[in-house]
Amino acid sequence: MDPMSELSASDVPTDRHYDGAHHLWAMRDPASGRVRIGIDAIGLEALGELAYVAIESVSASVVRGAAVGTLEAAKMTTSIAAPITGTIVARNDDVLADPRRVNEDPYGAGWLLEIEPSMWDADAAELLSGDAVTPWAEAEINKLGAETEGPRGESSAAG
């Protein structure tokens, strides 16, 4: 079964913000103000099944774009770049103990960490949200499909 044929833009919820360059999502809790961070389905598809997750300690200060952890999978290892600036207030211990939880539910139980934002409005303005999410997701899925599947007769451009 080809997993790419199953991935679609509808697999990327539009109720949160996205760091398009790093394939991370950020969802702010209106009650607490905290922002929950996770990897999106497209980034997860590129990585494959996770084998190891490492995240900076609670109370660590983080700056947007700086590494706050590592994701290791069969295909590659990548850094988790903070999509916002603030302080880590929680890590998902279930994911640290069993990284497969991220693959099983990347937008729910597979979240990675929570950050108390220090400049949410400015950071959120730099992230994709709302109507911008679906077109971005479609383009990223097409790009990933081209990278992983290679050219196909019916869809490859003549060069």
Protein backbone atom coordinates (compact mmCIF):
# COMPACT_ATOMS: atom_id res chain seq x y z
CA MET A 1 0.00 0.00 0.00
CA ASP A 2 1.32 3.44 -0.94
CA PRO A 3 0.89 5.80 2.03
CA MET A 4 1.25 8.89 -0.17
CA SER A 5 -1.90 7.95 -2.05
CA GLU A 6 -3.75 8.17 1.26
CA LEU A 7 -2.34 11.51 2.48
CA SER A 8 -4.43 14.53 1.50
CA ALA A 9 -4.83 18.15 2.52
CA SER A 10 -7.87 17.11 4.56
CA ASP A 11 -5.42 15.26 6.87
CA VAL A 12 -4.04 18.66 7.92
CA PRO A 13 -6.50 20.38 10.31
CA THR A 14 -7.11 24.08 9.71
CA ASP A 15 -7.82 24.85 13.39
CA ARG A 16 -4.17 25.55 14.25
CA HIS A 17 -1.08 27.40 13.00
CA TYR A 18 1.72 25.76 11.00
CA ASP A 19 5.42 26.36 10.58
CA GLY A 20 5.54 25.43 6.91
CA ALA A 21 9.32 25.17 6.71
CA HIS A 22 9.57 22.67 9.58
CA HIS A 23 6.19 20.92 9.34
CA LEU A 24 5.22 21.66 12.92
CA TRP A 25 1.80 22.75 14.18
CA ALA A 26 1.05 25.12 17.03
CA MET A 27 -2.33 25.30 18.75
CA ARG A 28 -3.01 27.91 21.42
CA ASP A 29 -5.31 27.05 24.32
CA PRO A 30 -7.49 30.14 24.76
CA ALA A 31 -7.99 29.42 28.48
CA SER A 32 -4.34 28.96 29.54
CA GLY A 33 -2.60 30.79 26.70
CA ARG A 34 -0.20 27.86 26.35
CA VAL A 35 0.68 26.60 22.88
CA ARG A 36 0.79 22.89 22.15
CA ILE A 37 3.31 21.86 19.46
CA GLY A 38 3.41 18.76 17.25
CA ILE A 39 4.58 17.52 13.87
CA ASP A 40 2.13 17.61 10.98
CA ALA A 41 1.11 14.61 8.88
CA ILE A 42 3.24 15.75 5.93
CA GLY A 43 6.42 16.02 7.97
CA LEU A 44 5.63 12.69 9.58
CA GLU A 45 5.16 11.08 6.17
CA ALA A 46 8.58 12.36 5.11
CA LEU A 47 10.21 10.98 8.28
CA GLY A 48 8.48 7.62 8.50
CA GLU A 49 7.80 5.77 11.75
CA LEU A 50 9.46 7.49 14.67
CA ALA A 51 11.89 5.47 16.77
CA TYR A 52 13.12 8.15 19.20
CA VAL A 53 11.99 11.59 20.42
CA ALA A 54 14.12 13.95 22.53
CA ILE A 55 12.82 17.29 23.83
CA GLU A 56 14.50 20.02 25.88
CA SER A 57 13.69 20.16 29.59
CA VAL A 58 10.65 21.85 31.07
CA SER A 59 11.48 25.46 31.99
CA ALA A 60 13.95 25.80 29.08
CA SER A 61 13.65 29.09 27.21
CA VAL A 62 13.21 28.68 23.46
CA VAL A 63 13.48 31.06 20.53
CA ARG A 64 11.48 30.70 17.34
CA GLY A 65 13.54 28.67 14.83
CA ALA A 66 15.98 27.25 17.40
CA ALA A 67 16.22 23.51 18.04
CA VAL A 68 14.17 22.26 21.00
CA GLY A 69 14.57 18.55 20.36
CA THR A 70 15.17 15.74 17.90
CA LEU A 71 13.03 13.27 16.00
CA GLU A 72 14.67 10.03 14.84
CA ALA A 73 13.06 7.73 12.31
CA ALA A 74 14.12 4.98 9.93
CA LYS A 75 14.44 7.44 7.04
CA MET A 76 16.28 10.27 8.82
CA THR A 77 16.91 12.30 11.96
CA THR A 78 15.75 15.91 12.19
CA SER A 79 15.71 18.72 14.71
CA ILE A 80 12.49 20.07 16.16
CA ALA A 81 12.64 23.83 15.52
CA ALA A 82 10.54 25.91 17.91
CA PRO A 83 7.72 27.51 15.92
CA ILE A 84 7.32 30.16 18.63
CA THR A 85 9.37 31.93 21.32
CA GLY A 86 8.71 31.24 24.99
CA THR A 87 9.31 28.74 27.79
CA ILE A 88 8.71 25.00 27.65
CA VAL A 89 6.05 24.22 30.26
CA ALA A 90 5.31 20.56 29.38
CA ARG A 91 6.69 17.63 27.43
CA ASN A 92 4.57 14.70 26.33
CA ASP A 93 6.05 11.91 28.44
CA ASP A 94 3.91 9.31 26.64
CA VAL A 95 5.58 10.24 23.33
CA LEU A 96 9.03 10.24 24.91
CA ALA A 97 8.37 6.69 26.17
CA ASP A 98 6.71 5.47 22.95
CA PRO A 99 7.40 7.63 19.85
CA ARG A 100 4.95 5.57 17.78
CA ARG A 101 2.17 7.54 19.48
CA VAL A 102 3.14 10.47 17.24
CA ASN A 103 2.60 8.34 14.12
CA GLU A 104 -0.72 7.05 15.47
CA ASP A 105 -2.22 10.46 16.36
CA PRO A 106 -0.02 13.43 15.37
CA TYR A 107 -2.73 16.05 16.03
CA GLY A 108 -4.00 14.59 19.31
CA ALA A 109 -2.23 12.27 21.75
CA GLY A 110 0.99 12.54 19.70
CA TRP A 111 1.72 16.18 20.59
CA LEU A 112 5.35 16.89 21.50
CA LEU A 113 5.56 19.84 23.91
CA GLU A 114 3.78 22.89 25.28
CA ILE A 115 5.24 26.37 25.34
CA GLU A 116 4.19 29.41 27.35
CA PRO A 117 4.56 32.00 24.56
CA SER A 118 6.33 35.27 25.19
CA MET A 119 5.30 36.89 21.89
CA TRP A 120 2.37 34.87 20.49
CA ASP A 121 0.86 37.58 18.30
CA ALA A 122 4.14 38.26 16.50
CA ASP A 123 5.00 34.56 16.14
CA ALA A 124 1.48 33.60 15.02
CA ALA A 125 1.67 36.21 12.27
CA GLU A 126 4.69 34.34 10.85
CA LEU A 127 2.86 30.99 10.80
CA LEU A 128 0.32 29.64 8.31
CA SER A 129 -3.28 29.54 9.48
CA GLY A 130 -6.89 29.60 8.34
CA ASP A 131 -7.46 29.70 4.59
CA ALA A 132 -3.70 29.47 3.87
CA VAL A 133 -3.39 25.96 5.35
CA THR A 134 -5.14 23.84 2.70
CA PRO A 135 -3.34 25.26 -0.39
CA TRP A 136 0.00 24.98 1.43
CA ALA A 137 -0.76 21.38 2.46
CA GLU A 138 -1.74 20.43 -1.09
CA ALA A 139 1.48 21.89 -2.49
CA GLU A 140 3.61 20.17 0.18
CA ILE A 141 1.91 16.80 -0.41
CA ASN A 142 2.51 17.14 -4.16
CA LYS A 143 6.16 18.05 -3.54
CA LEU A 144 6.62 15.13 -1.13
CA GLY A 145 4.95 12.77 -3.58
CA ALA A 146 7.31 13.86 -6.35
CA GLU A 147 10.33 13.40 -4.08
CA THR A 148 9.36 9.98 -2.76
CA GLU A 149 7.67 8.40 -5.76
CA GLY A 150 9.76 9.84 -8.58
CA PRO A 151 8.35 10.80 -11.95
CA ARG A 152 5.40 8.93 -13.38
CA GLY A 153 4.56 8.80 -17.04
CA GLU A 154 1.18 10.44 -16.70
CA SER A 155 2.36 13.24 -14.41
CA SER A 156 6.01 13.86 -15.24
CA ALA A 157 6.93 16.94 -17.18
CA ALA A 158 8.82 16.38 -20.40
CA GLY A 159 12.30 17.81 -20.10
